[in-house]
Amino acid sequence: MADKNNVLYVGIDLGTSRSAVSTANNQRHVIESYVGWPTDMVARKVLKKEVVIGKEAVDNRTMVDLHRPLERGLIKEGSEKDLTAVREILRHLLHLSGADGDREVRAVVGVPARAMQINKQQLRNTLIGEVDGLMIVSEPFAVAYGLEALMHSLIIDSGAGTTDFCIMLGRMPTEDDQRTLTNAGDSIDANLFSLLAERHPQAQITEFMVRQWKEEHGFVGNEQKPVRVTVPMRGRPQEIDITAELKSASESIVDPIVETMRDLLPHVEPEFQEKVRNNVILSGGTSQLPGLRKKIQDGLEELGGGKVQTVKDPIFAGSDGCLAIALDAADEDWDRLSSQDT
């Protein structure tokens, strides 16, 4: 058995938009899941770096080859640069966590609930040489483990790329206990962009702008205060009202989430369905949309009613859960990695 005093345990929530790390040495960090490489000699001179990561990459996107390597919660296929970008993100998170080469590093990494096996292998390959031990788990399972919601609960983890579902029944969840939807934060952004482009064809709008508007003003249900933003129109700043479009885009994920929840719950044994309905836990960055929790709870009325609660810390719920798994795992549970693995 490994001496736990000589091991750094790390939990990583590898997210489409943001990635978080929690460690046994009380480090917690979150970064934007972007990587950029200077495009030319001028950019290299300005940045004075060969690679920039996170917010620094986004802020300097005019001078870098910008990559957001995770799409719908998975590593983009067919691009070596995206695989390299994932490695840079993971390496940066490990650096922030205090991995210094003097201790063995064991990492639990959260992925979407039904990630393809080939993608898990890609992720494993990116971590060879970076960690000594690895476990890959589903993100909603990690949330459940961290909250100790292991019995009669339903976790709905809604992030940027995916919304993942996992029913916990006091054992490891099976594939039948889990679902993954692509109706999540990114799909809201795409809908909002499309609606605004249709209504304001002359407005100069970027994906970064609509994402910021959603994160600052998005809502589900009754209208909030009018949402007005300033955008360039043929180079001239002009204020526009985006309230209706923001409401429509934000609510576009509600029906798919409710339908999937209703589809999963009848598969629970009849005696336990009421307990699960009253223990639905909403997590992930998109869970912060005002009104979303109530809409999902209203969707349980058709099945007899229930209760939905939102995690207190949606940013770190996944990484904290991965860390909890790492700390409880037995020595034989780990996939041992070495630089000789292929």
Protein backbone atom coordinates (compact mmCIF):
# COMPACT_ATOMS: atom_id res chain seq x y z
CA MET A 1 0.00 0.00 0.00
CA ALA A 2 1.21 3.52 -0.78
CA ASP A 3 2.13 5.83 2.07
CA LYS A 4 -0.65 8.43 1.91
CA ASN A 5 1.67 11.05 3.38
CA ASN A 6 3.73 10.84 0.20
CA VAL A 7 0.77 11.07 -2.16
CA LEU A 8 -0.96 14.22 -3.43
CA TYR A 9 -4.64 13.45 -4.03
CA VAL A 10 -6.34 15.63 -6.64
CA GLY A 11 -9.92 15.96 -7.84
CA ILE A 12 -10.46 17.55 -11.27
CA ASP A 13 -13.73 18.58 -12.90
CA LEU A 14 -12.71 18.90 -16.55
CA GLY A 15 -15.37 21.22 -17.94
CA THR A 16 -16.24 22.49 -21.39
CA SER A 17 -16.22 26.12 -20.28
CA ARG A 18 -14.41 26.02 -16.92
CA SER A 19 -12.26 23.43 -15.19
CA ALA A 20 -11.78 23.14 -11.44
CA VAL A 21 -9.33 21.37 -9.17
CA SER A 22 -9.55 20.49 -5.47
CA THR A 23 -6.67 18.90 -3.61
CA ALA A 24 -5.91 17.25 -0.30
CA ASN A 25 -3.53 20.09 0.55
CA ASN A 26 -6.49 22.51 0.62
CA GLN A 27 -5.95 24.05 -2.81
CA ARG A 28 -8.99 24.96 -4.93
CA HIS A 29 -8.72 26.67 -8.28
CA VAL A 30 -10.93 27.25 -11.31
CA ILE A 31 -9.83 28.31 -14.80
CA GLU A 32 -11.53 28.88 -18.12
CA SER A 33 -10.99 25.89 -20.40
CA TYR A 34 -9.10 27.76 -23.12
CA VAL A 35 -5.54 27.48 -24.41
CA GLY A 36 -3.80 29.79 -26.87
CA TRP A 37 -0.52 29.78 -28.76
CA PRO A 38 0.99 33.04 -30.11
CA THR A 39 0.21 33.35 -33.81
CA ASP A 40 3.46 35.03 -34.90
CA MET A 41 6.68 36.70 -33.75
CA VAL A 42 4.86 39.90 -32.78
CA ALA A 43 2.46 37.98 -30.54
CA ARG A 44 5.34 36.08 -28.97
CA LYS A 45 7.13 39.35 -28.25
CA VAL A 46 4.03 40.90 -26.66
CA LEU A 47 3.02 37.85 -24.61
CA LYS A 48 6.54 36.68 -23.74
CA LYS A 49 5.10 33.16 -23.44
CA GLU A 50 4.88 30.09 -25.67
CA VAL A 51 1.40 29.22 -24.40
CA VAL A 52 -1.33 31.04 -22.45
CA ILE A 53 -4.11 29.32 -20.52
CA GLY A 54 -7.52 30.24 -19.15
CA LYS A 55 -8.64 33.86 -18.91
CA GLU A 56 -5.27 35.03 -20.23
CA ALA A 57 -5.89 33.10 -23.44
CA VAL A 58 -9.39 34.55 -23.85
CA ASP A 59 -8.27 38.11 -23.08
CA ASN A 60 -5.51 37.85 -25.72
CA ARG A 61 -7.50 35.93 -28.33
CA THR A 62 -6.71 38.43 -31.11
CA MET A 63 -3.05 37.40 -31.00
CA VAL A 64 -3.26 33.66 -30.31
CA ASP A 65 -4.44 30.47 -31.95
CA LEU A 66 -7.26 29.96 -29.45
CA HIS A 67 -8.53 26.48 -28.61
CA ARG A 68 -11.46 25.44 -26.47
CA PRO A 69 -10.65 21.74 -26.67
CA LEU A 70 -13.70 20.31 -24.94
CA GLU A 71 -16.95 20.09 -26.85
CA ARG A 72 -20.11 18.75 -25.25
CA GLY A 73 -17.94 17.65 -22.36
CA LEU A 74 -15.60 15.56 -24.52
CA ILE A 75 -12.25 16.11 -26.19
CA LYS A 76 -12.78 17.29 -29.76
CA GLU A 77 -12.01 14.57 -32.26
CA GLY A 78 -9.44 14.75 -35.04
CA SER A 79 -7.23 17.55 -33.72
CA GLU A 80 -3.81 16.98 -32.18
CA LYS A 81 -3.80 20.63 -31.11
CA ASP A 82 -6.94 20.08 -29.04
CA LEU A 83 -5.39 17.02 -27.37
CA THR A 84 -2.34 19.15 -26.58
CA ALA A 85 -4.63 21.88 -25.23
CA VAL A 86 -6.31 19.42 -22.85
CA ARG A 87 -2.89 18.32 -21.63
CA GLU A 88 -1.94 21.97 -21.04
CA ILE A 89 -5.12 22.58 -19.04
CA LEU A 90 -4.56 19.50 -16.89
CA ARG A 91 -0.88 20.30 -16.43
CA HIS A 92 -1.78 23.85 -15.37
CA LEU A 93 -4.38 22.62 -12.88
CA LEU A 94 -1.86 20.19 -11.41
CA HIS A 95 0.70 23.00 -11.14
CA LEU A 96 -1.83 25.18 -9.32
CA SER A 97 -2.57 22.29 -6.98
CA GLY A 98 1.03 22.08 -5.83
CA ALA A 99 2.19 18.99 -7.73
CA ASP A 100 5.94 19.43 -7.59
CA GLY A 101 7.38 16.09 -8.66
CA ASP A 102 8.47 15.16 -5.14
CA ARG A 103 5.30 13.24 -4.36
CA GLU A 104 3.21 10.67 -6.15
CA VAL A 105 0.11 12.28 -7.69
CA ARG A 106 -3.21 10.46 -7.90
CA ALA A 107 -6.05 12.19 -9.71
CA VAL A 108 -9.75 11.49 -10.06
CA VAL A 109 -11.16 13.21 -13.15
CA GLY A 110 -14.86 13.78 -13.78
CA VAL A 111 -16.31 13.33 -17.29
CA PRO A 112 -19.89 13.39 -18.67
CA ALA A 113 -22.12 10.58 -17.46
CA ARG A 114 -21.96 8.43 -20.60
CA ALA A 115 -18.65 9.51 -22.14
CA MET A 116 -17.50 7.26 -24.95
CA GLN A 117 -14.84 4.74 -24.00
CA ILE A 118 -12.52 6.05 -26.73
CA ASN A 119 -12.65 9.50 -25.16
CA LYS A 120 -11.78 8.09 -21.76
CA GLN A 121 -8.75 6.46 -23.35
CA GLN A 122 -7.76 9.77 -24.94
CA LEU A 123 -7.99 11.43 -21.55
CA ARG A 124 -5.93 8.68 -19.98
CA ASN A 125 -3.26 9.13 -22.64
CA THR A 126 -3.05 12.89 -22.03
CA LEU A 127 -2.27 12.26 -18.35
CA ILE A 128 0.55 9.78 -18.86
CA GLY A 129 3.64 11.35 -17.39
CA GLU A 130 1.58 13.90 -15.47
CA VAL A 131 0.01 11.69 -12.77
CA ASP A 132 0.90 8.32 -11.27
CA GLY A 133 -2.59 7.08 -10.58
CA LEU A 134 -5.89 7.86 -12.33
CA MET A 135 -9.58 7.23 -11.93
CA ILE A 136 -12.17 8.53 -14.41
CA VAL A 137 -15.72 8.89 -13.05
CA SER A 138 -18.96 10.47 -14.18
CA GLU A 139 -19.40 14.08 -13.08
CA PRO A 140 -22.85 13.66 -11.48
CA PHE A 141 -21.60 10.60 -9.57
CA ALA A 142 -18.70 12.71 -8.27
CA VAL A 143 -21.14 15.39 -7.10
CA ALA A 144 -23.26 12.77 -5.34
CA TYR A 145 -20.20 11.27 -3.64
CA GLY A 146 -18.96 14.63 -2.42
CA LEU A 147 -22.37 15.48 -0.97
CA GLU A 148 -22.79 11.95 0.43
CA ALA A 149 -26.07 11.79 -1.48
CA LEU A 150 -25.48 8.12 -2.25
CA MET A 151 -28.92 6.72 -1.43
CA HIS A 152 -32.20 7.51 -3.20
CA SER A 153 -31.10 10.67 -4.99
CA LEU A 154 -31.06 12.06 -8.52
CA ILE A 155 -28.21 14.35 -9.50
CA ILE A 156 -28.71 16.73 -12.44
CA ASP A 157 -25.37 18.31 -13.33
CA SER A 158 -25.86 21.07 -15.92
CA GLY A 159 -22.68 22.67 -17.20
CA ALA A 160 -21.66 24.31 -20.45
CA GLY A 161 -21.38 21.32 -22.78
CA THR A 162 -23.76 18.80 -21.24
CA THR A 163 -26.48 18.19 -18.69
CA ASP A 164 -25.78 14.86 -16.96
CA PHE A 165 -28.17 12.76 -14.88
CA CYS A 166 -27.33 10.08 -12.34
CA ILE A 167 -29.64 8.15 -10.03
CA MET A 168 -27.95 6.96 -6.83
CA LEU A 169 -29.35 3.87 -5.12
CA GLY A 170 -26.64 3.04 -2.59
CA ARG A 171 -24.31 1.40 -5.12
CA MET A 172 -22.18 2.33 -8.10
CA PRO A 173 -24.49 3.65 -10.84
CA THR A 174 -24.91 1.61 -14.00
CA GLU A 175 -25.31 2.97 -17.53
CA ASP A 176 -29.07 2.58 -17.16
CA ASP A 177 -28.95 4.95 -14.15
CA GLN A 178 -27.37 7.75 -16.18
CA ARG A 179 -28.13 10.05 -19.10
CA THR A 180 -26.34 12.85 -20.94
CA LEU A 181 -27.98 15.72 -22.85
CA THR A 182 -26.31 18.39 -24.96
CA ASN A 183 -28.97 20.86 -23.83
CA ALA A 184 -26.86 23.00 -21.52
CA GLY A 185 -25.03 26.33 -21.30
CA ASP A 186 -23.53 26.22 -24.79
CA SER A 187 -26.88 25.47 -26.40
CA ILE A 188 -28.37 28.48 -24.59
CA ASP A 189 -25.55 30.61 -26.01
CA ALA A 190 -26.17 29.29 -29.53
CA ASN A 191 -29.90 29.97 -29.28
CA LEU A 192 -29.34 33.47 -27.93
CA PHE A 193 -26.84 34.26 -30.68
CA SER A 194 -29.26 33.04 -33.35
CA LEU A 195 -32.24 34.96 -31.94
CA LEU A 196 -30.28 38.20 -31.68
CA ALA A 197 -28.78 37.82 -35.15
CA GLU A 198 -32.30 37.41 -36.55
CA ARG A 199 -33.72 40.42 -34.74
CA HIS A 200 -30.65 42.67 -35.05
CA PRO A 201 -28.86 41.60 -38.25
CA GLN A 202 -26.57 44.64 -38.19
CA ALA A 203 -25.40 44.07 -34.62
CA GLN A 204 -21.82 42.92 -34.21
CA ILE A 205 -22.06 40.16 -31.61
CA THR A 206 -19.60 37.43 -30.59
CA GLU A 207 -19.96 34.15 -28.72
CA PHE A 208 -18.06 35.68 -25.81
CA MET A 209 -20.57 38.52 -25.57
CA VAL A 210 -23.65 36.27 -25.50
CA ARG A 211 -22.01 33.99 -22.93
CA GLN A 212 -21.35 36.94 -20.65
CA TRP A 213 -24.92 38.23 -21.05
CA LYS A 214 -26.31 34.80 -20.20
CA GLU A 215 -24.09 34.42 -17.14
CA GLU A 216 -24.90 37.89 -15.84
CA HIS A 217 -28.58 38.21 -16.78
CA GLY A 218 -29.98 34.82 -17.84
CA PHE A 219 -33.23 33.67 -16.21
CA VAL A 220 -36.05 31.15 -16.43
CA GLY A 221 -39.68 31.90 -15.65
CA ASN A 222 -41.11 35.30 -14.83
CA GLU A 223 -39.32 38.21 -16.44
CA GLN A 224 -36.78 40.07 -14.38
CA LYS A 225 -35.89 43.70 -14.95
CA PRO A 226 -35.42 44.55 -18.63
CA VAL A 227 -32.00 43.49 -19.88
CA ARG A 228 -30.35 46.10 -22.10
CA VAL A 229 -26.87 45.79 -23.53
CA THR A 230 -24.73 47.96 -25.78
CA VAL A 231 -23.46 46.53 -29.07
CA PRO A 232 -21.76 48.01 -32.12
CA MET A 233 -24.06 48.66 -35.10
CA ARG A 234 -21.85 49.35 -38.10
CA GLY A 235 -19.22 50.50 -35.66
CA ARG A 236 -21.52 52.75 -33.63
CA PRO A 237 -22.50 51.69 -30.08
CA GLN A 238 -26.23 51.21 -29.68
CA GLU A 239 -28.30 49.94 -26.76
CA ILE A 240 -30.70 47.06 -27.45
CA ASP A 241 -33.20 45.19 -25.28
CA ILE A 242 -32.45 41.44 -25.20
CA THR A 243 -34.93 40.43 -22.46
CA ALA A 244 -37.26 38.34 -24.63
CA GLU A 245 -34.44 36.59 -26.48
CA LEU A 246 -32.59 35.86 -23.23
CA LYS A 247 -35.70 34.35 -21.65
CA SER A 248 -36.41 32.19 -24.70
CA ALA A 249 -32.83 30.95 -24.97
CA SER A 250 -32.51 30.24 -21.24
CA GLU A 251 -35.76 28.27 -21.17
CA SER A 252 -34.79 26.16 -24.19
CA ILE A 253 -33.08 23.63 -21.90
CA VAL A 254 -36.00 23.18 -19.49
CA ASP A 255 -38.23 20.77 -21.44
CA PRO A 256 -35.41 18.35 -22.37
CA ILE A 257 -34.21 18.26 -18.75
CA VAL A 258 -37.71 17.67 -17.39
CA GLU A 259 -38.47 14.98 -20.01
CA THR A 260 -35.24 13.11 -19.23
CA MET A 261 -35.92 13.32 -15.50
CA ARG A 262 -39.41 11.92 -16.03
CA ASP A 263 -37.97 9.14 -18.18
CA LEU A 264 -35.41 8.10 -15.57
CA LEU A 265 -37.57 8.11 -12.45
CA PRO A 266 -39.99 5.30 -13.44
CA HIS A 267 -36.98 2.95 -13.73
CA VAL A 268 -36.48 3.22 -9.96
CA GLU A 269 -38.20 0.47 -7.98
CA PRO A 270 -41.73 1.67 -7.07
CA GLU A 271 -41.16 1.71 -3.30
CA PHE A 272 -38.24 4.15 -3.67
CA GLN A 273 -39.53 6.52 -6.35
CA GLU A 274 -41.00 9.02 -3.90
CA LYS A 275 -37.72 9.20 -1.97
CA VAL A 276 -35.78 9.92 -5.17
CA ARG A 277 -38.32 12.54 -6.33
CA ASN A 278 -37.84 14.36 -3.04
CA ASN A 279 -34.06 14.27 -3.29
CA VAL A 280 -33.24 15.81 -6.68
CA ILE A 281 -30.01 17.80 -6.60
CA LEU A 282 -29.16 20.39 -9.24
CA SER A 283 -25.48 21.23 -9.79
CA GLY A 284 -23.15 22.71 -12.41
CA GLY A 285 -22.62 26.25 -13.67
CA THR A 286 -25.91 26.41 -15.56
CA SER A 287 -27.78 25.45 -12.37
CA GLN A 288 -27.25 29.06 -11.26
CA LEU A 289 -29.83 30.37 -13.75
CA PRO A 290 -32.51 32.09 -11.63
CA GLY A 291 -35.79 30.19 -11.85
CA LEU A 292 -34.35 26.94 -13.27
CA ARG A 293 -34.65 25.00 -10.01
CA LYS A 294 -38.35 25.88 -9.66
CA LYS A 295 -39.13 24.94 -13.26
CA ILE A 296 -37.52 21.54 -12.82
CA GLN A 297 -39.37 21.03 -9.53
CA ASP A 298 -42.65 21.97 -11.24
CA GLY A 299 -41.88 19.24 -13.77
CA LEU A 300 -42.15 16.64 -11.01
CA GLU A 301 -45.83 17.44 -10.40
CA GLU A 302 -46.87 15.06 -13.18
CA LEU A 303 -45.19 12.21 -11.25
CA GLY A 304 -46.67 13.12 -7.88
CA GLY A 305 -44.48 16.05 -6.88
CA GLY A 306 -41.03 16.28 -5.39
CA LYS A 307 -38.26 18.56 -4.21
CA VAL A 308 -35.29 19.99 -6.09
CA GLN A 309 -32.39 21.66 -4.31
CA THR A 310 -29.34 23.40 -5.72
CA VAL A 311 -25.81 22.72 -4.47
CA LYS A 312 -24.27 25.51 -2.42
CA ASP A 313 -21.02 25.58 -4.40
CA PRO A 314 -21.67 24.71 -8.06
CA ILE A 315 -18.15 25.74 -9.11
CA PHE A 316 -16.35 23.16 -6.97
CA ALA A 317 -19.03 20.53 -6.30
CA GLY A 318 -17.60 18.29 -9.03
CA SER A 319 -13.92 18.65 -8.15
CA ASP A 320 -14.64 18.35 -4.42
CA GLY A 321 -16.53 15.13 -5.13
CA CYS A 322 -13.65 13.77 -7.21
CA LEU A 323 -11.30 14.56 -4.33
CA ALA A 324 -13.56 12.74 -1.87
CA ILE A 325 -13.45 9.66 -4.13
CA ALA A 326 -9.66 9.91 -4.33
CA LEU A 327 -9.28 10.05 -0.57
CA ASP A 328 -11.55 7.02 -0.02
CA ALA A 329 -10.19 4.85 -2.85
CA ALA A 330 -8.22 1.73 -2.00
CA ASP A 331 -4.78 1.22 -3.49
CA GLU A 332 -6.09 -1.39 -5.92
CA ASP A 333 -8.77 0.96 -7.28
CA TRP A 334 -6.23 3.10 -9.14
CA ASP A 335 -5.23 2.81 -12.76
CA ARG A 336 -1.45 3.04 -12.49
CA LEU A 337 0.13 5.20 -15.22
CA SER A 338 3.74 5.39 -16.29
CA SER A 339 5.64 7.06 -19.13
CA GLN A 340 6.03 3.61 -20.74
CA ASP A 341 2.26 3.19 -21.16
CA THR A 342 0.92 3.49 -24.70
